[in-house]
C-alpha atoms as a PDB file:
ATOM      1  CA  UNK A   1      79.306 107.657 110.493  1.00  0.00           C
ATOM      2  CA  UNK A   2      82.533 109.888 109.809  1.00  0.00           C
ATOM      3  CA  UNK A   3      83.879 111.215 112.921  1.00  0.00           C
ATOM      4  CA  UNK A   4      83.669 114.632 111.782  1.00  0.00           C
ATOM      5  CA  UNK A   5      79.835 113.704 112.657  1.00  0.00           C
ATOM      6  CA  UNK A   6      80.345 112.646 116.159  1.00  0.00           C
ATOM      7  CA  UNK A   7      79.486 114.296 118.855  1.00  0.00           C
ATOM      8  CA  UNK A   8      82.866 116.690 120.144  1.00  0.00           C
ATOM      9  CA  UNK A   9      83.365 114.868 123.440  1.00  0.00           C
ATOM     10  CA  UNK A  10      83.594 111.624 121.585  1.00  0.00           C
ATOM     11  CA  UNK A  11      86.197 112.470 119.304  1.00  0.00           C
ATOM     12  CA  UNK A  12      89.654 111.188 120.213  1.00  0.00           C
ATOM     13  CA  UNK A  13      91.600 114.410 119.320  1.00  0.00           C
ATOM     14  CA  UNK A  14      88.851 116.418 120.983  1.00  0.00           C
ATOM     15  CA  UNK A  15      88.426 114.416 123.983  1.00  0.00           C
ATOM     16  CA  UNK A  16      92.550 114.362 124.454  1.00  0.00           C
ATOM     17  CA  UNK A  17      92.828 118.272 124.333  1.00  0.00           C
ATOM     18  CA  UNK A  18      89.722 118.757 126.652  1.00  0.00           C
ATOM     19  CA  UNK A  19      90.620 115.497 128.897  1.00  0.00           C
ATOM     20  CA  UNK A  20      94.008 114.717 128.545  1.00  0.00           C
ATOM     21  CA  UNK A  21      95.630 111.785 126.809  1.00  0.00           C
ATOM     22  CA  UNK A  22      95.486 109.300 129.573  1.00  0.00           C
ATOM     23  CA  UNK A  23      91.042 109.364 129.163  1.00  0.00           C
ATOM     24  CA  UNK A  24      91.633 107.918 125.890  1.00  0.00           C
ATOM     25  CA  UNK A  25      91.606 104.185 125.166  1.00  0.00           C
ATOM     26  CA  UNK A  26      93.984 101.642 123.599  1.00  0.00           C
ATOM     27  CA  UNK A  27      91.428 102.261 120.063  1.00  0.00           C
ATOM     28  CA  UNK A  28      91.282 106.125 120.356  1.00  0.00           C
ATOM     29  CA  UNK A  29      95.073 106.794 121.160  1.00  0.00           C
ATOM     30  CA  UNK A  30      96.100 104.449 118.328  1.00  0.00           C
ATOM     31  CA  UNK A  31      93.242 106.040 116.024  1.00  0.00           C
ATOM     32  CA  UNK A  32      94.787 109.623 116.723  1.00  0.00           C
ATOM     33  CA  UNK A  33      98.149 107.730 114.941  1.00  0.00           C
ATOM     34  CA  UNK A  34      96.384 106.229 112.234  1.00  0.00           C
ATOM     35  CA  UNK A  35      94.484 109.341 111.110  1.00  0.00           C
ATOM     36  CA  UNK A  36      92.236 107.869 108.820  1.00  0.00           C
ATOM     37  CA  UNK A  37      90.644 104.691 107.949  1.00  0.00           C
ATOM     38  CA  UNK A  38      89.294 103.261 104.816  1.00  0.00           C
ATOM     39  CA  UNK A  39      86.353 102.782 103.195  1.00  0.00           C
ATOM     40  CA  UNK A  40      82.769 102.274 105.603  1.00  0.00           C
ATOM     41  CA  UNK A  41      85.489 102.129 108.808  1.00  0.00           C
ATOM     42  CA  UNK A  42      86.502 105.414 110.861  1.00  0.00           C
ATOM     43  CA  UNK A  43      90.103 105.440 112.567  1.00  0.00           C
ATOM     44  CA  UNK A  44      88.415 104.452 115.868  1.00  0.00           C
ATOM     45  CA  UNK A  45      87.346 101.298 113.800  1.00  0.00           C
ATOM     46  CA  UNK A  46      89.752 100.143 112.225  1.00  0.00           C
ATOM     47  CA  UNK A  47      91.962 100.863 115.429  1.00  0.00           C
ATOM     48  CA  UNK A  48      89.415  98.536 117.135  1.00  0.00           C
ATOM     49  CA  UNK A  49      89.521  95.646 114.226  1.00  0.00           C
ATOM     50  CA  UNK A  50      93.047  95.789 114.745  1.00  0.00           C
ATOM     51  CA  UNK A  51      93.205  95.354 118.980  1.00  0.00           C
ATOM     52  CA  UNK A  52      91.056  92.447 118.330  1.00  0.00           C
ATOM     53  CA  UNK A  53      92.420  90.835 115.551  1.00  0.00           C
ATOM     54  CA  UNK A  54      96.122  91.155 117.010  1.00  0.00           C
ATOM     55  CA  UNK A  55      95.302  90.567 121.056  1.00  0.00           C
ATOM     56  CA  UNK A  56      96.341  94.253 122.196  1.00  0.00           C
ATOM     57  CA  UNK A  57      99.070  96.723 121.789  1.00  0.00           C
ATOM     58  CA  UNK A  58     101.917  94.677 122.414  1.00  0.00           C
ATOM     59  CA  UNK A  59     100.794  92.657 119.924  1.00  0.00           C
ATOM     60  CA  UNK A  60     100.039  94.704 117.430  1.00  0.00           C
ATOM     61  CA  UNK A  61     103.100  96.719 118.176  1.00  0.00           C
ATOM     62  CA  UNK A  62     105.099  93.119 117.303  1.00  0.00           C
ATOM     63  CA  UNK A  63     103.620  92.418 114.130  1.00  0.00           C
ATOM     64  CA  UNK A  64     105.960  91.508 111.626  1.00  0.00           C
ATOM     65  CA  UNK A  65     105.476  94.482 108.635  1.00  0.00           C
ATOM     66  CA  UNK A  66     104.756  92.110 105.836  1.00  0.00           C
ATOM     67  CA  UNK A  67     101.690  90.779 107.941  1.00  0.00           C
ATOM     68  CA  UNK A  68     100.555  94.287 109.617  1.00  0.00           C
ATOM     69  CA  UNK A  69     100.357  95.722 106.161  1.00  0.00           C
ATOM     70  CA  UNK A  70      98.180  93.509 104.587  1.00  0.00           C
ATOM     71  CA  UNK A  71      95.628  94.718 107.062  1.00  0.00           C
ATOM     72  CA  UNK A  72      93.044  96.789 105.284  1.00  0.00           C
ATOM     73  CA  UNK A  73      93.560 100.571 106.170  1.00  0.00           C
ATOM     74  CA  UNK A  74      97.307  99.792 106.910  1.00  0.00           C
ATOM     75  CA  UNK A  75     100.144 100.271 104.662  1.00  0.00           C
ATOM     76  CA  UNK A  76     103.264 100.833 104.955  1.00  0.00           C
ATOM     77  CA  UNK A  77     103.022 104.648 105.810  1.00  0.00           C
ATOM     78  CA  UNK A  78     100.745 103.859 108.750  1.00  0.00           C
ATOM     79  CA  UNK A  79     103.296 100.908 109.865  1.00  0.00           C
ATOM     80  CA  UNK A  80     105.969 103.530 109.680  1.00  0.00           C
ATOM     81  CA  UNK A  81     103.756 105.921 111.965  1.00  0.00           C
ATOM     82  CA  UNK A  82     103.272 103.556 114.268  1.00  0.00           C
ATOM     83  CA  UNK A  83     106.919 102.141 114.790  1.00  0.00           C
ATOM     84  CA  UNK A  84     108.074 105.782 114.932  1.00  0.00           C
ATOM     85  CA  UNK A  85     105.612 106.464 117.474  1.00  0.00           C
ATOM     86  CA  UNK A  86     106.887 103.427 119.517  1.00  0.00           C
ATOM     87  CA  UNK A  87     110.705 104.195 118.955  1.00  0.00           C
ATOM     88  CA  UNK A  88     109.689 108.257 120.084  1.00  0.00           C
ATOM     89  CA  UNK A  89     108.083 106.646 123.186  1.00  0.00           C
ATOM     90  CA  UNK A  90     111.466 104.429 123.984  1.00  0.00           C
ATOM     91  CA  UNK A  91     113.573 107.737 123.558  1.00  0.00           C
ATOM     92  CA  UNK A  92     111.348 109.925 125.676  1.00  0.00           C
ATOM     93  CA  UNK A  93     112.128 107.279 128.507  1.00  0.00           C
ATOM     94  CA  UNK A  94     115.624 107.108 127.320  1.00  0.00           C
ATOM     95  CA  UNK A  95     116.443 110.714 128.105  1.00  0.00           C
ATOM     96  CA  UNK A  96     114.869 110.242 131.703  1.00  0.00           C
ATOM     97  CA  UNK A  97     118.228 108.396 132.440  1.00  0.00           C
ATOM     98  CA  UNK A  98     120.986 110.775 130.285  1.00  0.00           C
ATOM     99  CA  UNK A  99     125.274 110.028 130.661  1.00  0.00           C
ATOM    100  CA  UNK A 100     125.933 111.489 133.783  1.00  0.00           C
ATOM    101  CA  UNK A 101     122.379 111.539 136.094  1.00  0.00           C
ATOM    102  CA  UNK A 102     122.366 110.025 139.019  1.00  0.00           C
ATOM    103  CA  UNK A 103     120.065 107.109 140.088  1.00  0.00           C
ATOM    104  CA  UNK A 104     117.467 109.007 142.600  1.00  0.00           C
ATOM    105  CA  UNK A 105     115.297 105.786 142.895  1.00  0.00           C
ATOM    106  CA  UNK A 106     114.348 101.937 142.128  1.00  0.00           C
ATOM    107  CA  UNK A 107     111.244 102.979 140.298  1.00  0.00           C
ATOM    108  CA  UNK A 108     113.327 105.661 137.830  1.00  0.00           C
ATOM    109  CA  UNK A 109     115.023 102.452 136.745  1.00  0.00           C
ATOM    110  CA  UNK A 110     111.670 100.869 136.286  1.00  0.00           C
ATOM    111  CA  UNK A 111     109.903 103.056 133.878  1.00  0.00           C
ATOM    112  CA  UNK A 112     113.422 103.425 131.833  1.00  0.00           C
ATOM    113  CA  UNK A 113     114.106  99.387 131.538  1.00  0.00           C
ATOM    114  CA  UNK A 114     110.008  98.948 131.121  1.00  0.00           C
ATOM    115  CA  UNK A 115     109.942 101.600 128.080  1.00  0.00           C
ATOM    116  CA  UNK A 116     113.049  99.859 126.610  1.00  0.00           C
ATOM    117  CA  UNK A 117     112.104  95.736 126.870  1.00  0.00           C
ATOM    118  CA  UNK A 118     108.261  95.435 127.580  1.00  0.00           C
ATOM    119  CA  UNK A 119     107.221  95.513 123.704  1.00  0.00           C
ATOM    120  CA  UNK A 120     110.199  93.411 122.470  1.00  0.00           C
ATOM    121  CA  UNK A 121     109.030  89.558 120.906  1.00  0.00           C
ATOM    122  CA  UNK A 122     112.122  88.360 121.712  1.00  0.00           C
ATOM    123  CA  UNK A 123     114.465  88.104 125.073  1.00  0.00           C
ATOM    124  CA  UNK A 124     116.993  91.069 125.317  1.00  0.00           C
ATOM    125  CA  UNK A 125     119.655  91.146 127.859  1.00  0.00           C
ATOM    126  CA  UNK A 126     121.078  94.634 128.954  1.00  0.00           C
ATOM    127  CA  UNK A 127     123.621  96.523 131.066  1.00  0.00           C
ATOM    128  CA  UNK A 128     123.344  99.598 132.924  1.00  0.00           C
ATOM    129  CA  UNK A 129     126.865 101.264 133.617  1.00  0.00           C
ATOM    130  CA  UNK A 130     127.413 103.610 136.380  1.00  0.00           C
ATOM    131  CA  UNK A 131     130.074 105.000 138.124  1.00  0.00           C
ATOM    132  CA  UNK A 132     131.578 105.131 141.761  1.00  0.00           C
ATOM    133  CA  UNK A 133     128.528 107.850 142.659  1.00  0.00           C
ATOM    134  CA  UNK A 134     125.895 105.587 140.357  1.00  0.00           C
ATOM    135  CA  UNK A 135     125.847 107.478 138.199  1.00  0.00           C
ATOM    136  CA  UNK A 136     124.769 106.617 134.399  1.00  0.00           C
ATOM    137  CA  UNK A 137     127.770 106.272 132.039  1.00  0.00           C
ATOM    138  CA  UNK A 138     125.688 104.164 129.461  1.00  0.00           C
ATOM    139  CA  UNK A 139     123.003 101.599 128.739  1.00  0.00           C
ATOM    140  CA  UNK A 140     123.964  98.814 126.301  1.00  0.00           C
ATOM    141  CA  UNK A 141     121.992  95.732 124.771  1.00  0.00           C
ATOM    142  CA  UNK A 142     124.460  92.648 125.252  1.00  0.00           C
ATOM    143  CA  UNK A 143     122.406  89.820 124.054  1.00  0.00           C
ATOM    144  CA  UNK A 144     119.702  88.892 122.133  1.00  0.00           C
ATOM    145  CA  UNK A 145     117.881  85.786 121.979  1.00  0.00           C
ATOM    146  CA  UNK A 146     114.474  83.624 120.523  1.00  0.00           C
ATOM    147  CA  UNK A 147     111.558  83.896 122.680  1.00  0.00           C
ATOM    148  CA  UNK A 148     112.623  81.472 124.582  1.00  0.00           C
ATOM    149  CA  UNK A 149     115.830  82.843 125.933  1.00  0.00           C
ATOM    150  CA  UNK A 150     119.330  84.478 125.452  1.00  0.00           C
ATOM    151  CA  UNK A 151     122.881  83.127 126.208  1.00  0.00           C
ATOM    152  CA  UNK A 152     124.268  85.131 128.198  1.00  0.00           C
ATOM    153  CA  UNK A 153     128.536  85.366 128.619  1.00  0.00           C
ATOM    154  CA  UNK A 154     129.739  86.353 132.058  1.00  0.00           C
ATOM    155  CA  UNK A 155     133.040  87.065 130.383  1.00  0.00           C
ATOM    156  CA  UNK A 156     131.555  89.424 127.850  1.00  0.00           C
ATOM    157  CA  UNK A 157     129.338  91.307 130.518  1.00  0.00           C
ATOM    158  CA  UNK A 158     132.674  91.836 132.573  1.00  0.00           C
ATOM    159  CA  UNK A 159     134.756  92.729 129.298  1.00  0.00           C
ATOM    160  CA  UNK A 160     131.862  95.635 128.753  1.00  0.00           C
ATOM    161  CA  UNK A 161     132.100  96.764 131.848  1.00  0.00           C
ATOM    162  CA  UNK A 162     135.604  97.340 131.979  1.00  0.00           C
ATOM    163  CA  UNK A 163     135.625  99.143 128.961  1.00  0.00           C
ATOM    164  CA  UNK A 164     133.242 101.426 130.409  1.00  0.00           C
ATOM    165  CA  UNK A 165     134.844 101.812 133.354  1.00  0.00           C
ATOM    166  CA  UNK A 166     132.196 100.862 135.437  1.00  0.00           C
ATOM    167  CA  UNK A 167     132.108 100.664 139.319  1.00  0.00           C
ATOM    168  CA  UNK A 168     128.546  99.053 139.312  1.00  0.00           C
ATOM    169  CA  UNK A 169     126.175  97.397 136.938  1.00  0.00           C
ATOM    170  CA  UNK A 170     122.592  96.987 136.468  1.00  0.00           C
ATOM    171  CA  UNK A 171     121.459  93.894 134.647  1.00  0.00           C
ATOM    172  CA  UNK A 172     117.767  93.515 133.391  1.00  0.00           C
ATOM    173  CA  UNK A 173     116.105  91.453 130.548  1.00  0.00           C
ATOM    174  CA  UNK A 174     112.624  91.009 129.403  1.00  0.00           C
ATOM    175  CA  UNK A 175     110.207  88.336 129.410  1.00  0.00           C
ATOM    176  CA  UNK A 176     108.879  87.647 126.101  1.00  0.00           C
ATOM    177  CA  UNK A 177     105.951  85.626 127.512  1.00  0.00           C
ATOM    178  CA  UNK A 178     104.779  88.897 129.440  1.00  0.00           C
ATOM    179  CA  UNK A 179     105.124  87.072 132.880  1.00  0.00           C
ATOM    180  CA  UNK A 180     108.105  88.995 134.795  1.00  0.00           C
ATOM    181  CA  UNK A 181     108.611  86.525 137.275  1.00  0.00           C
ATOM    182  CA  UNK A 182     112.354  85.438 137.569  1.00  0.00           C
ATOM    183  CA  UNK A 183     113.054  81.672 136.810  1.00  0.00           C
ATOM    184  CA  UNK A 184     115.403  79.724 138.785  1.00  0.00           C
ATOM    185  CA  UNK A 185     117.745  79.824 135.527  1.00  0.00           C
ATOM    186  CA  UNK A 186     117.481  83.940 136.359  1.00  0.00           C
ATOM    187  CA  UNK A 187     118.678  83.263 139.487  1.00  0.00           C
ATOM    188  CA  UNK A 188     121.624  81.133 138.844  1.00  0.00           C
ATOM    189  CA  UNK A 189     122.473  83.736 136.035  1.00  0.00           C
ATOM    190  CA  UNK A 190     122.605  86.578 138.597  1.00  0.00           C
ATOM    191  CA  UNK A 191     124.904  84.643 141.094  1.00  0.00           C
ATOM    192  CA  UNK A 192     127.254  83.590 138.267  1.00  0.00           C
ATOM    193  CA  UNK A 193     127.622  87.352 137.171  1.00  0.00           C
ATOM    194  CA  UNK A 194     127.694  88.938 140.569  1.00  0.00           C
ATOM    195  CA  UNK A 195     130.788  86.456 141.149  1.00  0.00           C
ATOM    196  CA  UNK A 196     132.203  87.174 137.956  1.00  0.00           C
ATOM    197  CA  UNK A 197     132.113  90.973 138.262  1.00  0.00           C
ATOM    198  CA  UNK A 198     133.077  91.156 141.946  1.00  0.00           C
ATOM    199  CA  UNK A 199     136.543  89.482 140.712  1.00  0.00           C
ATOM    200  CA  UNK A 200     137.411  92.663 139.062  1.00  0.00           C
ATOM    201  CA  UNK A 201     135.771  95.041 141.811  1.00  0.00           C
ATOM    202  CA  UNK A 202     132.553  95.636 139.964  1.00  0.00           C
ATOM    203  CA  UNK A 203     129.572  95.613 142.012  1.00  0.00           C
ATOM    204  CA  UNK A 204     126.503  94.153 140.545  1.00  0.00           C
ATOM    205  CA  UNK A 205     123.560  96.049 142.258  1.00  0.00           C
ATOM    206  CA  UNK A 206     120.561  94.554 140.545  1.00  0.00           C
ATOM    207  CA  UNK A 207     118.744  92.275 138.468  1.00  0.00           C
ATOM    208  CA  UNK A 208     115.324  93.525 136.630  1.00  0.00           C
ATOM    209  CA  UNK A 209     112.959  90.754 135.156  1.00  0.00           C
ATOM    210  CA  UNK A 210     110.837  93.326 132.459  1.00  0.00           C
ATOM    211  CA  UNK A 211     107.088  91.650 131.688  1.00  0.00           C
ATOM    212  CA  UNK A 212     104.354  93.396 130.042  1.00  0.00           C
ATOM    213  CA  UNK A 213     102.776  94.921 133.218  1.00  0.00           C
ATOM    214  CA  UNK A 214     105.300  94.437 135.817  1.00  0.00           C
ATOM    215  CA  UNK A 215     109.168  94.885 136.257  1.00  0.00           C
ATOM    216  CA  UNK A 216     110.771  92.325 138.988  1.00  0.00           C
ATOM    217  CA  UNK A 217     113.883  93.722 141.430  1.00  0.00           C
ATOM    218  CA  UNK A 218     115.938  90.412 142.722  1.00  0.00           C
ATOM    219  CA  UNK A 219     117.639  92.795 144.741  1.00  0.00           C
ATOM    220  CA  UNK A 220     114.770  93.757 146.444  1.00  0.00           C
ATOM    221  CA  UNK A 221     113.822  89.551 147.057  1.00  0.00           C
ATOM    222  CA  UNK A 222     117.278  89.289 148.487  1.00  0.00           C
ATOM    223  CA  UNK A 223     118.574  87.180 145.077  1.00  0.00           C
ATOM    224  CA  UNK A 224     121.661  89.815 144.512  1.00  0.00           C
END
């Protein structure tokens, strides 16, 4: 049955307008971006099928273009729409930490970092550079790895921090597995970077590990 024949309070767009976007299921939200289905399938049917086959929004967003475009009802145009929606979300949260803004809470940093890193299929190591008053100077992706890890070079981190004239740094990386629990290697890296930055009078304030549903602070665990 076409969506236009559904009860008004069950149609995704009307439901969003009447009750708010937070009331929609993942499939209903995805259907709004997809806009249309294909022969015999509504946009919601298409969305449900995609989420089931790929295992969820995160896995769907990480799908290769060639794989996703070969799905029934999905072509290049819809692939582009989905990628644009994801990038829109990243930039929205990036605007929450504009250059010169002061950091007011760990939660603010968590929200920003999760938006930037949670859906990456490979490991990414990033730095947030701050001035003496902990105002944002820049955010930068420094290293990119495979699904297993990224090679982080302390010398390059120090060099980048000095180039930004940073007084303090917050580092972060994601775990493509989705599990944010820091590893022994993460703890060892934190100490190496802390010592390297201290040699040039730059403070390491925190190291965040970003997972699918959680962002862990090593500072809060007493590991920085």
